[in-house]
Amino acid sequence: MNSISANLNIMIKASEKASKALIRDFGEIEKLQVSVKGPLNFVTNADIKSEKIIIEELRKSRKNYSILSEENGSQINKDKNNVWIIDPIDGTTNFLHGFPHFAISIALKSNNEIVSGLIYDPIKDEMFYGEKNNGAYFNNQRIRVSKKKKLENCLFATGGIDSEKNKTNKNITIRRSGSAALDMAYVASGRFDGYFQKNLNIWDIAAGIIIVKEAGGIINEINLDQKNKIKVLASSNEINEKLVKNLTNF
């Protein structure tokens, strides 16, 4: 097993504890009380419970770190330079419909840079993580982005394309999974060759940023102080320029 930092170890423990509650709730979807939070964006009891567990676990060891989370927003603490960025369920709509494709996402921003990230799919028991200058891993095995060089041989992910504003110049194979965090994890591990999406929140992608980078991939420049309406394009170095040219008005 690779050497991991104390902070990443804390993140792993928090995600594993929260996942136990998520798995139980996923088995009883019908009983969840749901309130509308926005178009295609639901908040569930499971979402709130998962976030509470994660925050409690992180605070046990790092009580002074600040927090930015999907449900509770920004919580400034004594240590403003270290911020946990949390999405308790990335893929809430999937979760709500009993579709087993969602993840817990936790990142650590230190001095305005993402230095650690973890994405955990509790249903498949798949954990992706990365740390600055320490590589990216999937269930403790080192991962790298795809080495494919031709667009026609690639598989890309997106959360949706505005057919009028974001046209592709040639037919490329695209999947829509409903989880930005897992899309980025899959780019890091070579399952997807690239991912592009607009109007994302920082908690959707924070962990994925460092994981993709540490897996040898590249991502467009992102303002980490921006909380929403973020544009992301992540891929391998091999295919990035070709993908950018293929997307119109992205």
Protein backbone atom coordinates (compact mmCIF):
# COMPACT_ATOMS: atom_id res chain seq x y z
CA MET A 1 0.00 0.00 0.00
CA ASN A 2 1.25 3.50 -0.83
CA SER A 3 2.10 5.99 1.90
CA ILE A 4 -0.71 8.47 2.55
CA SER A 5 -0.87 11.62 4.63
CA ALA A 6 -2.67 11.99 7.94
CA ASN A 7 -5.23 14.26 6.30
CA LEU A 8 -6.04 11.74 3.59
CA ASN A 9 -6.37 9.03 6.19
CA ILE A 10 -8.92 11.20 8.01
CA MET A 11 -10.83 11.67 4.75
CA ILE A 12 -10.88 7.93 4.09
CA LYS A 13 -12.26 7.17 7.55
CA ALA A 14 -14.93 9.86 7.23
CA SER A 15 -16.08 8.59 3.82
CA GLU A 16 -16.20 4.98 4.98
CA LYS A 17 -18.30 5.88 8.02
CA ALA A 18 -20.73 7.97 5.97
CA SER A 19 -20.98 5.24 3.33
CA LYS A 20 -22.48 2.79 5.81
CA ALA A 21 -25.45 5.09 6.37
CA LEU A 22 -25.75 5.77 2.63
CA ILE A 23 -25.88 2.07 1.78
CA ARG A 24 -28.64 1.52 4.36
CA ASP A 25 -30.66 4.44 3.03
CA PHE A 26 -30.13 3.41 -0.57
CA GLY A 27 -31.84 0.13 0.27
CA GLU A 28 -34.88 2.02 1.54
CA ILE A 29 -35.29 4.70 -1.09
CA GLU A 30 -39.09 4.66 -0.85
CA LYS A 31 -38.99 5.85 2.76
CA LEU A 32 -36.90 8.94 2.12
CA GLN A 33 -38.63 12.28 2.49
CA VAL A 34 -37.64 14.51 -0.39
CA SER A 35 -37.84 18.25 -0.86
CA VAL A 36 -37.11 20.08 -4.09
CA LYS A 37 -33.85 22.06 -4.04
CA GLY A 38 -33.76 23.06 -7.70
CA PRO A 39 -34.18 21.68 -11.21
CA LEU A 40 -33.02 18.08 -11.27
CA ASN A 41 -31.39 18.63 -7.90
CA PHE A 42 -32.94 17.00 -4.86
CA VAL A 43 -31.91 17.06 -1.24
CA THR A 44 -32.68 13.96 0.77
CA ASN A 45 -32.43 12.89 4.36
CA ALA A 46 -29.50 10.73 3.26
CA ASP A 47 -27.67 13.74 1.80
CA ILE A 48 -27.94 15.69 5.05
CA LYS A 49 -27.09 12.69 7.21
CA SER A 50 -24.03 11.83 5.13
CA GLU A 51 -22.73 15.39 5.31
CA LYS A 52 -23.23 15.52 9.08
CA ILE A 53 -21.27 12.29 9.59
CA ILE A 54 -18.43 13.46 7.35
CA ILE A 55 -18.13 16.85 9.07
CA GLU A 56 -18.21 15.28 12.53
CA GLU A 57 -15.44 12.86 11.60
CA LEU A 58 -13.25 15.52 10.00
CA ARG A 59 -13.66 17.83 12.99
CA LYS A 60 -12.56 15.14 15.42
CA SER A 61 -9.04 15.44 14.09
CA ARG A 62 -9.00 18.88 12.46
CA LYS A 63 -11.37 20.99 14.51
CA ASN A 64 -9.96 24.33 13.33
CA TYR A 65 -10.18 23.69 9.58
CA SER A 66 -12.84 25.61 7.67
CA ILE A 67 -15.54 23.80 5.67
CA LEU A 68 -17.36 24.33 2.39
CA SER A 69 -20.14 21.82 1.84
CA GLU A 70 -23.11 21.39 -0.45
CA GLU A 71 -25.81 21.41 2.22
CA ASN A 72 -24.37 23.72 4.91
CA GLY A 73 -22.43 26.11 2.72
CA SER A 74 -19.33 27.92 3.96
CA GLN A 75 -18.24 27.58 7.58
CA ILE A 76 -15.21 29.77 8.32
CA ASN A 77 -13.15 28.54 11.26
CA LYS A 78 -9.91 29.60 12.96
CA ASP A 79 -7.85 28.05 10.17
CA LYS A 80 -8.98 29.86 7.02
CA ASN A 81 -6.12 28.53 4.90
CA ASN A 82 -7.25 24.89 5.14
CA VAL A 83 -10.74 24.16 3.87
CA TRP A 84 -12.54 20.83 3.55
CA ILE A 85 -14.74 20.82 0.43
CA ILE A 86 -17.49 18.22 0.75
CA ASP A 87 -20.18 16.74 -1.46
CA PRO A 88 -21.96 14.09 0.65
CA ILE A 89 -23.70 12.53 -2.37
CA ASP A 90 -22.55 13.51 -5.83
CA GLY A 91 -25.27 12.04 -8.02
CA THR A 92 -28.24 12.71 -5.74
CA THR A 93 -30.77 12.21 -8.54
CA ASN A 94 -29.30 8.79 -9.31
CA PHE A 95 -29.45 7.92 -5.63
CA LEU A 96 -33.05 9.06 -5.35
CA HIS A 97 -34.15 6.85 -8.24
CA GLY A 98 -32.32 3.77 -7.01
CA PHE A 99 -29.69 4.03 -9.74
CA PRO A 100 -26.43 2.78 -8.17
CA HIS A 101 -24.04 5.42 -9.47
CA PHE A 102 -23.13 8.11 -6.94
CA ALA A 103 -20.21 9.00 -4.72
CA ILE A 104 -18.93 10.79 -1.65
CA SER A 105 -16.45 13.51 -2.58
CA ILE A 106 -14.04 15.18 -0.13
CA ALA A 107 -11.18 17.53 -0.97
CA LEU A 108 -8.74 19.61 1.04
CA LYS A 109 -7.91 23.09 -0.20
CA SER A 110 -4.74 24.43 1.40
CA ASN A 111 -3.58 27.99 0.67
CA ASN A 112 -5.92 28.16 -2.33
CA GLU A 113 -4.72 24.90 -3.87
CA ILE A 114 -6.36 21.48 -3.85
CA VAL A 115 -3.78 19.21 -2.21
CA SER A 116 -5.83 16.09 -1.44
CA GLY A 117 -8.95 14.55 -2.94
CA LEU A 118 -11.05 11.45 -2.41
CA ILE A 119 -14.01 10.09 -4.37
CA TYR A 120 -15.72 7.01 -2.94
CA ASP A 121 -18.42 4.95 -4.63
CA PRO A 122 -19.92 3.02 -1.70
CA ILE A 123 -22.08 0.68 -3.80
CA LYS A 124 -19.19 -0.63 -5.88
CA ASP A 125 -16.69 -0.13 -3.02
CA GLU A 126 -14.43 1.83 -5.36
CA MET A 127 -12.21 4.49 -3.83
CA PHE A 128 -10.22 6.97 -5.91
CA TYR A 129 -7.81 9.36 -4.25
CA GLY A 130 -4.86 11.58 -4.97
CA GLU A 131 -2.46 13.90 -3.18
CA LYS A 132 -0.16 16.60 -4.47
CA ASN A 133 3.14 15.08 -5.63
CA ASN A 134 2.10 11.62 -4.43
CA GLY A 135 0.15 10.19 -7.37
CA ALA A 136 -3.43 9.01 -7.86
CA TYR A 137 -4.83 5.67 -6.77
CA PHE A 138 -7.83 3.39 -7.17
CA ASN A 139 -8.29 0.97 -4.26
CA ASN A 140 -4.57 1.40 -3.44
CA GLN A 141 -3.41 0.70 -7.01
CA ARG A 142 -1.69 3.48 -8.95
CA ILE A 143 -3.76 4.85 -11.83
CA ARG A 144 -2.97 6.84 -14.97
CA VAL A 145 -5.09 8.61 -17.56
CA SER A 146 -5.75 7.06 -20.96
CA LYS A 147 -3.05 7.04 -23.66
CA LYS A 148 -5.43 6.98 -26.63
CA LYS A 149 -4.57 9.45 -29.38
CA LYS A 150 -7.56 9.31 -31.75
CA LEU A 151 -10.92 10.86 -30.88
CA GLU A 152 -12.81 8.11 -32.68
CA ASN A 153 -11.30 5.55 -30.29
CA CYS A 154 -12.24 7.50 -27.17
CA LEU A 155 -15.15 7.52 -24.74
CA PHE A 156 -16.06 10.89 -23.22
CA ALA A 157 -18.32 11.92 -20.37
CA THR A 158 -20.48 14.99 -19.95
CA GLY A 159 -23.47 16.08 -17.91
CA GLY A 160 -25.28 17.25 -21.00
CA ILE A 161 -24.74 19.29 -24.13
CA ASP A 162 -26.76 22.29 -25.29
CA SER A 163 -27.28 21.10 -28.84
CA GLU A 164 -27.36 24.63 -30.23
CA LYS A 165 -24.52 26.21 -28.25
CA ASN A 166 -22.12 23.31 -27.73
CA LYS A 167 -21.88 21.34 -30.93
CA THR A 168 -19.20 18.78 -31.64
CA ASN A 169 -17.43 18.88 -34.99
CA LYS A 170 -17.40 15.14 -35.47
CA ASN A 171 -19.15 12.20 -33.93
CA ILE A 172 -17.53 11.36 -30.62
CA THR A 173 -18.84 8.74 -28.22
CA ILE A 174 -20.36 10.33 -25.14
CA ARG A 175 -21.88 9.03 -21.91
CA ARG A 176 -23.94 10.88 -19.30
CA SER A 177 -23.57 9.23 -15.90
CA GLY A 178 -25.12 11.81 -13.56
CA SER A 179 -22.08 12.12 -11.29
CA ALA A 180 -19.40 14.71 -12.06
CA ALA A 181 -17.14 13.33 -9.32
CA LEU A 182 -17.18 9.80 -10.74
CA ASP A 183 -16.78 11.12 -14.28
CA MET A 184 -13.53 12.79 -13.22
CA ALA A 185 -12.41 9.73 -11.27
CA TYR A 186 -13.03 7.64 -14.38
CA VAL A 187 -10.91 10.04 -16.45
CA ALA A 188 -8.10 9.64 -13.92
CA SER A 189 -8.31 5.86 -14.12
CA GLY A 190 -8.59 5.69 -17.92
CA ARG A 191 -12.20 4.46 -18.03
CA PHE A 192 -13.16 7.72 -19.71
CA ASP A 193 -10.77 9.55 -22.00
CA GLY A 194 -12.14 12.97 -21.14
CA TYR A 195 -14.89 14.91 -19.39
CA PHE A 196 -16.41 18.29 -20.21
CA GLN A 197 -19.21 20.14 -18.48
CA LYS A 198 -20.50 23.61 -17.64
CA ASN A 199 -22.39 25.01 -14.66
CA LEU A 200 -20.74 22.83 -12.02
CA ASN A 201 -20.29 23.55 -8.32
CA ILE A 202 -16.86 23.50 -6.73
CA TRP A 203 -17.83 20.61 -4.41
CA ASP A 204 -18.72 18.50 -7.47
CA ILE A 205 -15.20 18.67 -8.86
CA ALA A 206 -12.71 19.69 -6.15
CA ALA A 207 -11.54 16.15 -5.36
CA GLY A 208 -11.47 15.24 -9.04
CA ILE A 209 -9.12 18.13 -9.85
CA ILE A 210 -6.20 16.74 -7.86
CA ILE A 211 -6.94 13.10 -8.73
CA VAL A 212 -6.91 13.80 -12.48
CA LYS A 213 -3.75 15.92 -12.23
CA GLU A 214 -1.91 13.30 -10.17
CA ALA A 215 -2.95 10.64 -12.70
CA GLY A 216 -1.15 12.61 -15.40
CA GLY A 217 -4.17 14.40 -16.83
CA ILE A 218 -4.79 18.07 -17.43
CA ILE A 219 -7.67 20.35 -16.50
CA ASN A 220 -8.54 23.88 -17.57
CA GLU A 221 -7.68 26.60 -15.09
CA ILE A 222 -10.33 26.85 -12.37
CA ASN A 223 -10.87 29.68 -9.88
CA LEU A 224 -11.16 27.81 -6.58
CA ASP A 225 -12.90 30.79 -4.94
CA GLN A 226 -15.78 30.39 -7.40
CA LYS A 227 -18.49 28.20 -5.90
CA ASN A 228 -20.70 27.57 -8.91
CA LYS A 229 -21.19 28.00 -12.65
CA ILE A 230 -17.78 26.41 -13.19
CA LYS A 231 -16.64 25.01 -16.54
CA VAL A 232 -14.47 21.91 -16.57
CA LEU A 233 -12.60 20.10 -19.31
CA ALA A 234 -10.42 17.22 -18.09
CA SER A 235 -8.56 14.68 -20.17
CA SER A 236 -5.21 13.14 -20.92
CA ASN A 237 -2.47 15.27 -22.46
CA GLU A 238 -2.68 13.04 -25.53
CA ILE A 239 -6.23 13.98 -26.42
CA ASN A 240 -6.80 17.39 -24.79
CA GLU A 241 -6.05 19.67 -27.73
CA LYS A 242 -8.10 17.54 -30.11
CA LEU A 243 -11.05 17.52 -27.73
CA VAL A 244 -10.92 21.29 -27.27
CA LYS A 245 -10.94 21.81 -31.05
CA ASN A 246 -13.84 19.39 -31.39
CA LEU A 247 -16.08 21.33 -29.01
CA THR A 248 -17.71 24.46 -30.40
CA ASN A 249 -18.56 27.34 -28.02
CA PHE A 250 -17.51 25.43 -24.94
